[in-house]
Structures are given as structure tokens and as C-alpha cells.
Amino acid sequence: MEQCLEGAASRVGQIREDMPWVETEFDPEFRQYILDFQKDQMPRIHELIEQYQSSRIITVFHSREEADDWLGWSSLTHEEKNHQLFLKQKALLNQFLEKGAISQAQHDKSLHDLIEKMGETC
């Protein structure tokens, strides 16, 4: 939880691609959401993992380091990270198609959207 709080606090005042504004203070309501996350959100997350684990590919990370290791990001540039993320998402789409989790049409639409949003080429 401390890592989450520190991360959120460190982003105050930073320009972010995922937000159309710049936070000027650490929102007390968001801080409380982080503090209550284990109690309020994790039970539902565990229910969903239990419900879908036999029909979905689910990877659970217990730290940012685990996620970075899985992605292999520690030594990559921003552009290389984006490209690696694209390749992993493309591979997941292919796995979903192979396992029958999505149709060919869903695969093609999702791949098209992924290519367009990430500025990649196949």
C-alpha cells in the first residue's frame, strides 16, 4: 500500500497521457480509496479471478518489479517498451483466437484498433 500511496503522490503536478488535467494536490478521496482498496476492492477481484481462471489467461503480479520482470522492461527505452507491449498484446489476442475465446472478427477488429492506437505496423 505504501508503494501505491508514494506512486500516486509522486504523480501530483506531472503531465500524464492518461489524464486530461494535471493534479495540483493529492486528492484526499483518492488517497482513501487506496487505503481502503484491500478491504473494499480485493474481495471482488478475487471472486472474478476464481470465476474466470479456468477460461481466461490471468497473470497476477505482487509487485511492480514482478510486472517489470514479466515485461522485461528494466533496460528498455520508452519506444521499446511500447513496442514490447504491442507485441505482448498482439500475442494475447492470438492466444484468445486460438483458444476460441474471441471470434476472427473480434480478433481482427481488436488488432486493427491496437495497431492504430499504438502507431505500430504488423
N, C-alpha and C. Protein backbone atom coordinates (compact mmCIF):
# COMPACT_ATOMS: atom_id res chain seq x y z
N MET A 1 0.82 -1.18 0.00
CA MET A 1 0.00 0.00 0.00
C MET A 1 0.87 1.26 0.00
N GLU A 2 1.97 1.22 0.73
CA GLU A 2 2.86 2.39 0.77
C GLU A 2 3.37 2.74 -0.61
N GLN A 3 3.70 1.70 -1.39
CA GLN A 3 4.19 1.94 -2.75
C GLN A 3 3.12 2.63 -3.60
N CYS A 4 1.87 2.23 -3.45
CA CYS A 4 0.76 2.85 -4.18
C CYS A 4 0.60 4.31 -3.76
N LEU A 5 0.62 4.55 -2.46
CA LEU A 5 0.48 5.92 -1.97
C LEU A 5 1.63 6.80 -2.45
N GLU A 6 2.85 6.28 -2.37
CA GLU A 6 4.01 7.04 -2.82
C GLU A 6 3.94 7.31 -4.32
N GLY A 7 3.53 6.29 -5.09
CA GLY A 7 3.41 6.46 -6.53
C GLY A 7 2.39 7.52 -6.89
N ALA A 8 1.23 7.46 -6.25
CA ALA A 8 0.17 8.45 -6.52
C ALA A 8 0.64 9.85 -6.14
N ALA A 9 1.27 9.96 -4.98
CA ALA A 9 1.76 11.27 -4.53
C ALA A 9 2.83 11.81 -5.47
N SER A 10 3.67 10.94 -6.00
CA SER A 10 4.75 11.39 -6.88
C SER A 10 4.24 11.89 -8.23
N ARG A 11 3.02 11.51 -8.60
CA ARG A 11 2.47 11.94 -9.89
C ARG A 11 1.73 13.28 -9.80
N VAL A 12 1.56 13.82 -8.61
CA VAL A 12 0.93 15.14 -8.46
C VAL A 12 1.82 16.16 -9.16
N GLY A 13 1.18 16.98 -10.01
CA GLY A 13 1.92 18.00 -10.74
C GLY A 13 2.55 17.52 -12.04
N GLN A 14 2.41 16.23 -12.36
CA GLN A 14 3.00 15.66 -13.57
C GLN A 14 2.00 15.65 -14.72
N ILE A 15 2.45 15.96 -15.91
CA ILE A 15 1.61 15.82 -17.11
C ILE A 15 1.56 14.34 -17.46
N ARG A 16 0.33 13.83 -17.67
CA ARG A 16 0.15 12.40 -17.95
C ARG A 16 -0.71 12.23 -19.19
N GLU A 17 -0.35 11.25 -20.01
CA GLU A 17 -1.11 10.96 -21.23
C GLU A 17 -2.50 10.44 -20.91
N ASP A 18 -2.66 9.77 -19.77
CA ASP A 18 -3.94 9.13 -19.45
C ASP A 18 -4.91 10.04 -18.72
N MET A 19 -4.54 11.30 -18.50
CA MET A 19 -5.43 12.24 -17.80
C MET A 19 -5.44 13.57 -18.55
N PRO A 20 -6.64 14.15 -18.76
CA PRO A 20 -6.71 15.42 -19.50
C PRO A 20 -6.44 16.65 -18.62
N TRP A 21 -5.98 16.45 -17.40
CA TRP A 21 -5.66 17.55 -16.50
C TRP A 21 -4.42 17.18 -15.70
N VAL A 22 -3.89 18.15 -14.98
CA VAL A 22 -2.74 17.93 -14.10
C VAL A 22 -3.23 18.11 -12.67
N GLU A 23 -3.03 17.07 -11.86
CA GLU A 23 -3.41 17.16 -10.44
C GLU A 23 -2.51 18.17 -9.75
N THR A 24 -3.13 19.01 -8.90
CA THR A 24 -2.36 20.01 -8.17
C THR A 24 -2.16 19.63 -6.72
N GLU A 25 -2.90 18.61 -6.27
CA GLU A 25 -2.74 18.10 -4.91
C GLU A 25 -3.14 16.63 -4.89
N PHE A 26 -2.71 15.92 -3.88
CA PHE A 26 -3.08 14.51 -3.71
C PHE A 26 -4.51 14.49 -3.18
N ASP A 27 -5.43 14.12 -4.05
CA ASP A 27 -6.86 14.11 -3.73
C ASP A 27 -7.12 13.23 -2.50
N PRO A 28 -7.68 13.80 -1.43
CA PRO A 28 -7.93 13.02 -0.21
C PRO A 28 -8.86 11.83 -0.45
N GLU A 29 -9.83 11.99 -1.35
CA GLU A 29 -10.75 10.89 -1.66
C GLU A 29 -10.01 9.73 -2.35
N PHE A 30 -9.10 10.07 -3.26
CA PHE A 30 -8.31 9.04 -3.93
C PHE A 30 -7.36 8.36 -2.95
N ARG A 31 -6.78 9.14 -2.05
CA ARG A 31 -5.90 8.59 -1.02
C ARG A 31 -6.67 7.57 -0.18
N GLN A 32 -7.90 7.90 0.20
CA GLN A 32 -8.72 6.99 0.99
C GLN A 32 -9.08 5.74 0.19
N TYR A 33 -9.33 5.90 -1.10
CA TYR A 33 -9.61 4.76 -1.97
C TYR A 33 -8.43 3.78 -1.93
N ILE A 34 -7.22 4.31 -2.02
CA ILE A 34 -6.02 3.46 -1.97
C ILE A 34 -5.94 2.76 -0.61
N LEU A 35 -6.17 3.51 0.46
CA LEU A 35 -6.10 2.94 1.80
C LEU A 35 -7.13 1.83 2.00
N ASP A 36 -8.31 1.98 1.41
CA ASP A 36 -9.40 1.01 1.58
C ASP A 36 -9.42 -0.08 0.52
N PHE A 37 -8.49 -0.03 -0.43
CA PHE A 37 -8.53 -0.95 -1.58
C PHE A 37 -8.54 -2.42 -1.16
N GLN A 38 -7.65 -2.81 -0.26
CA GLN A 38 -7.58 -4.22 0.16
C GLN A 38 -8.92 -4.69 0.73
N LYS A 39 -9.55 -3.86 1.51
CA LYS A 39 -10.81 -4.23 2.17
C LYS A 39 -12.00 -4.15 1.21
N ASP A 40 -12.04 -3.08 0.41
CA ASP A 40 -13.22 -2.83 -0.41
C ASP A 40 -13.18 -3.47 -1.80
N GLN A 41 -12.02 -3.55 -2.41
CA GLN A 41 -11.93 -4.00 -3.81
C GLN A 41 -11.40 -5.42 -3.98
N MET A 42 -10.46 -5.83 -3.15
CA MET A 42 -9.81 -7.13 -3.34
C MET A 42 -10.77 -8.32 -3.25
N PRO A 43 -11.76 -8.32 -2.38
CA PRO A 43 -12.67 -9.46 -2.37
C PRO A 43 -13.33 -9.69 -3.73
N ARG A 44 -13.77 -8.62 -4.39
CA ARG A 44 -14.40 -8.76 -5.71
C ARG A 44 -13.38 -9.20 -6.76
N ILE A 45 -12.19 -8.69 -6.69
CA ILE A 45 -11.14 -9.09 -7.63
C ILE A 45 -10.86 -10.59 -7.48
N HIS A 46 -10.78 -11.06 -6.24
CA HIS A 46 -10.55 -12.50 -6.01
C HIS A 46 -11.72 -13.33 -6.53
N GLU A 47 -12.94 -12.83 -6.36
CA GLU A 47 -14.11 -13.53 -6.91
C GLU A 47 -14.01 -13.66 -8.43
N LEU A 48 -13.64 -12.57 -9.08
CA LEU A 48 -13.53 -12.59 -10.54
C LEU A 48 -12.41 -13.50 -11.02
N ILE A 49 -11.30 -13.50 -10.32
CA ILE A 49 -10.20 -14.41 -10.68
C ILE A 49 -10.67 -15.85 -10.55
N GLU A 50 -11.34 -16.15 -9.46
CA GLU A 50 -11.87 -17.51 -9.24
C GLU A 50 -12.86 -17.88 -10.34
N GLN A 51 -13.73 -16.95 -10.68
CA GLN A 51 -14.76 -17.21 -11.69
C GLN A 51 -14.18 -17.46 -13.08
N TYR A 52 -13.13 -16.73 -13.45
CA TYR A 52 -12.64 -16.79 -14.82
C TYR A 52 -11.32 -17.53 -15.02
N GLN A 53 -10.71 -18.02 -13.94
CA GLN A 53 -9.38 -18.61 -14.08
C GLN A 53 -9.33 -19.83 -14.98
N SER A 54 -10.42 -20.56 -15.09
CA SER A 54 -10.39 -21.75 -15.94
C SER A 54 -10.63 -21.43 -17.41
N SER A 55 -11.13 -20.23 -17.71
CA SER A 55 -11.44 -19.90 -19.10
C SER A 55 -10.66 -18.70 -19.63
N ARG A 56 -9.80 -18.12 -18.81
CA ARG A 56 -9.03 -16.95 -19.21
C ARG A 56 -7.57 -17.13 -18.79
N ILE A 57 -6.72 -16.39 -19.47
CA ILE A 57 -5.31 -16.33 -19.07
C ILE A 57 -5.19 -15.18 -18.09
N ILE A 58 -4.87 -15.49 -16.85
CA ILE A 58 -4.79 -14.48 -15.79
C ILE A 58 -3.39 -14.52 -15.19
N THR A 59 -2.76 -13.36 -15.17
CA THR A 59 -1.44 -13.24 -14.54
C THR A 59 -1.57 -12.25 -13.40
N VAL A 60 -1.20 -12.66 -12.21
CA VAL A 60 -1.27 -11.80 -11.02
C VAL A 60 0.14 -11.41 -10.62
N PHE A 61 0.37 -10.12 -10.51
CA PHE A 61 1.66 -9.62 -10.06
C PHE A 61 1.52 -9.14 -8.62
N HIS A 62 2.53 -9.39 -7.83
CA HIS A 62 2.51 -8.99 -6.42
C HIS A 62 3.40 -7.78 -6.15
N SER A 63 4.07 -7.30 -7.19
CA SER A 63 4.89 -6.10 -7.05
C SER A 63 5.12 -5.51 -8.43
N ARG A 64 5.52 -4.27 -8.46
CA ARG A 64 5.86 -3.63 -9.74
C ARG A 64 7.07 -4.32 -10.36
N GLU A 65 7.97 -4.79 -9.50
CA GLU A 65 9.16 -5.48 -10.01
C GLU A 65 8.77 -6.75 -10.76
N GLU A 66 7.81 -7.51 -10.23
CA GLU A 66 7.33 -8.72 -10.93
C GLU A 66 6.76 -8.36 -12.30
N ALA A 67 5.98 -7.29 -12.35
CA ALA A 67 5.40 -6.86 -13.62
C ALA A 67 6.50 -6.43 -14.59
N ASP A 68 7.46 -5.65 -14.10
CA ASP A 68 8.57 -5.22 -14.95
C ASP A 68 9.38 -6.40 -15.45
N ASP A 69 9.63 -7.38 -14.57
CA ASP A 69 10.37 -8.57 -14.98
C ASP A 69 9.61 -9.34 -16.05
N TRP A 70 8.29 -9.48 -15.86
CA TRP A 70 7.46 -10.19 -16.84
C TRP A 70 7.50 -9.49 -18.18
N LEU A 71 7.47 -8.16 -18.14
CA LEU A 71 7.52 -7.38 -19.36
C LEU A 71 8.94 -7.24 -19.90
N GLY A 72 9.94 -7.47 -19.03
CA GLY A 72 11.33 -7.30 -19.43
C GLY A 72 11.68 -5.85 -19.72
N TRP A 73 11.14 -4.92 -18.94
CA TRP A 73 11.23 -3.50 -19.24
C TRP A 73 12.40 -2.76 -18.62
N SER A 74 13.11 -3.32 -17.71
CA SER A 74 14.05 -2.54 -16.91
C SER A 74 15.09 -1.77 -17.72
N SER A 75 15.51 -2.30 -18.86
CA SER A 75 16.57 -1.63 -19.61
C SER A 75 16.10 -1.05 -20.94
N LEU A 76 14.79 -0.98 -21.16
CA LEU A 76 14.29 -0.53 -22.45
C LEU A 76 13.96 0.97 -22.46
N THR A 77 14.05 1.57 -23.67
CA THR A 77 13.60 2.95 -23.84
C THR A 77 12.07 2.97 -23.86
N HIS A 78 11.51 4.16 -23.79
CA HIS A 78 10.06 4.31 -23.83
C HIS A 78 9.49 3.69 -25.12
N GLU A 79 10.13 3.95 -26.25
CA GLU A 79 9.66 3.41 -27.53
C GLU A 79 9.75 1.88 -27.55
N GLU A 80 10.84 1.36 -27.01
CA GLU A 80 10.99 -0.11 -26.95
C GLU A 80 9.94 -0.73 -26.04
N LYS A 81 9.64 -0.07 -24.94
CA LYS A 81 8.60 -0.57 -24.04
C LYS A 81 7.25 -0.61 -24.75
N ASN A 82 6.92 0.46 -25.47
CA ASN A 82 5.66 0.49 -26.21
C ASN A 82 5.60 -0.62 -27.25
N HIS A 83 6.70 -0.85 -27.94
CA HIS A 83 6.72 -1.91 -28.95
C HIS A 83 6.57 -3.29 -28.30
N GLN A 84 7.26 -3.51 -27.19
CA GLN A 84 7.13 -4.79 -26.49
C GLN A 84 5.71 -4.99 -25.96
N LEU A 85 5.11 -3.93 -25.47
CA LEU A 85 3.73 -4.02 -25.00
C LEU A 85 2.81 -4.38 -26.17
N PHE A 86 3.02 -3.75 -27.31
CA PHE A 86 2.24 -4.08 -28.51
C PHE A 86 2.39 -5.56 -28.85
N LEU A 87 3.61 -6.07 -28.86
CA LEU A 87 3.84 -7.47 -29.21
C LEU A 87 3.16 -8.42 -28.23
N LYS A 88 3.22 -8.08 -26.94
CA LYS A 88 2.56 -8.93 -25.94
C LYS A 88 1.04 -8.90 -26.10
N GLN A 89 0.50 -7.71 -26.36
CA GLN A 89 -0.95 -7.62 -26.54
C GLN A 89 -1.39 -8.36 -27.81
N LYS A 90 -0.59 -8.26 -28.85
CA LYS A 90 -0.88 -8.97 -30.09
C LYS A 90 -0.84 -10.48 -29.85
N ALA A 91 0.16 -10.94 -29.10
CA ALA A 91 0.27 -12.38 -28.79
C ALA A 91 -0.93 -12.85 -27.97
N LEU A 92 -1.38 -12.03 -27.02
CA LEU A 92 -2.57 -12.39 -26.24
C LEU A 92 -3.81 -12.49 -27.13
N LEU A 93 -3.96 -11.56 -28.06
CA LEU A 93 -5.08 -11.64 -29.00
C LEU A 93 -5.02 -12.94 -29.79
N ASN A 94 -3.84 -13.31 -30.24
CA ASN A 94 -3.68 -14.56 -30.99
C ASN A 94 -4.02 -15.77 -30.13
N GLN A 95 -3.62 -15.74 -28.86
CA GLN A 95 -3.97 -16.84 -27.94
C GLN A 95 -5.47 -16.92 -27.74
N PHE A 96 -6.10 -15.78 -27.56
CA PHE A 96 -7.56 -15.77 -27.39
C PHE A 96 -8.25 -16.37 -28.61
N LEU A 97 -7.76 -16.03 -29.79
CA LEU A 97 -8.34 -16.56 -31.02
C LEU A 97 -8.13 -18.07 -31.11
N GLU A 98 -6.91 -18.52 -30.82
CA GLU A 98 -6.60 -19.95 -30.88
C GLU A 98 -7.43 -20.76 -29.89
N LYS A 99 -7.71 -20.20 -28.73
CA LYS A 99 -8.49 -20.92 -27.71
C LYS A 99 -10.00 -20.76 -27.89
N GLY A 100 -10.41 -20.00 -28.90
CA GLY A 100 -11.83 -19.81 -29.16
C GLY A 100 -12.49 -18.81 -28.22
N ALA A 101 -11.69 -18.02 -27.52
CA ALA A 101 -12.26 -17.05 -26.59
C ALA A 101 -12.84 -15.84 -27.33
N ILE A 102 -12.33 -15.57 -28.54
CA ILE A 102 -12.85 -14.50 -29.38
C ILE A 102 -12.98 -15.01 -30.80
N SER A 103 -13.83 -14.37 -31.58
CA SER A 103 -14.02 -14.75 -32.98
C SER A 103 -12.93 -14.12 -33.84
N GLN A 104 -12.83 -14.56 -35.07
CA GLN A 104 -11.87 -13.96 -36.01
C GLN A 104 -12.18 -12.48 -36.20
N ALA A 105 -13.46 -12.16 -36.29
CA ALA A 105 -13.86 -10.75 -36.47
C ALA A 105 -13.45 -9.91 -35.26
N GLN A 106 -13.64 -10.44 -34.04
CA GLN A 106 -13.23 -9.72 -32.83
C GLN A 106 -11.71 -9.53 -32.82
N HIS A 107 -11.00 -10.59 -33.18
CA HIS A 107 -9.54 -10.54 -33.24
C HIS A 107 -9.09 -9.45 -34.20
N ASP A 108 -9.64 -9.48 -35.42
CA ASP A 108 -9.22 -8.53 -36.45
C ASP A 108 -9.52 -7.09 -36.04
N LYS A 109 -10.69 -6.86 -35.47
CA LYS A 109 -11.06 -5.51 -35.02
C LYS A 109 -10.14 -5.05 -33.90
N SER A 110 -9.89 -5.92 -32.91
CA SER A 110 -9.02 -5.56 -31.79
C SER A 110 -7.59 -5.31 -32.26
N LEU A 111 -7.10 -6.14 -33.19
CA LEU A 111 -5.75 -5.95 -33.71
C LEU A 111 -5.66 -4.64 -34.48
N HIS A 112 -6.66 -4.35 -35.29
CA HIS A 112 -6.69 -3.09 -36.03
C HIS A 112 -6.65 -1.90 -35.07
N ASP A 113 -7.47 -1.95 -34.04
CA ASP A 113 -7.51 -0.86 -33.05
C ASP A 113 -6.18 -0.73 -32.32
N LEU A 114 -5.59 -1.87 -31.97
CA LEU A 114 -4.30 -1.87 -31.28
C LEU A 114 -3.22 -1.23 -32.16
N ILE A 115 -3.17 -1.62 -33.42
CA ILE A 115 -2.19 -1.06 -34.35
C ILE A 115 -2.38 0.44 -34.49
N GLU A 116 -3.62 0.85 -34.65
CA GLU A 116 -3.92 2.26 -34.82
C GLU A 116 -3.56 3.08 -33.58
N LYS A 117 -3.95 2.60 -32.41
CA LYS A 117 -3.71 3.37 -31.18
C LYS A 117 -2.24 3.41 -30.81
N MET A 118 -1.50 2.35 -31.12
CA MET A 118 -0.10 2.30 -30.70
C MET A 118 0.85 2.73 -31.81
N GLY A 119 0.29 3.04 -33.00
CA GLY A 119 1.13 3.52 -34.10
C GLY A 119 2.09 2.46 -34.61
N GLU A 120 1.68 1.21 -34.55
CA GLU A 120 2.53 0.09 -34.97
C GLU A 120 2.14 -0.38 -36.35
N THR A 121 2.98 -1.22 -36.90
CA THR A 121 2.67 -1.92 -38.15
C THR A 121 2.87 -3.40 -37.90
N CYS A 122 2.15 -4.21 -38.60
CA CYS A 122 2.32 -5.66 -38.44
C CYS A 122 3.46 -6.07 -39.28
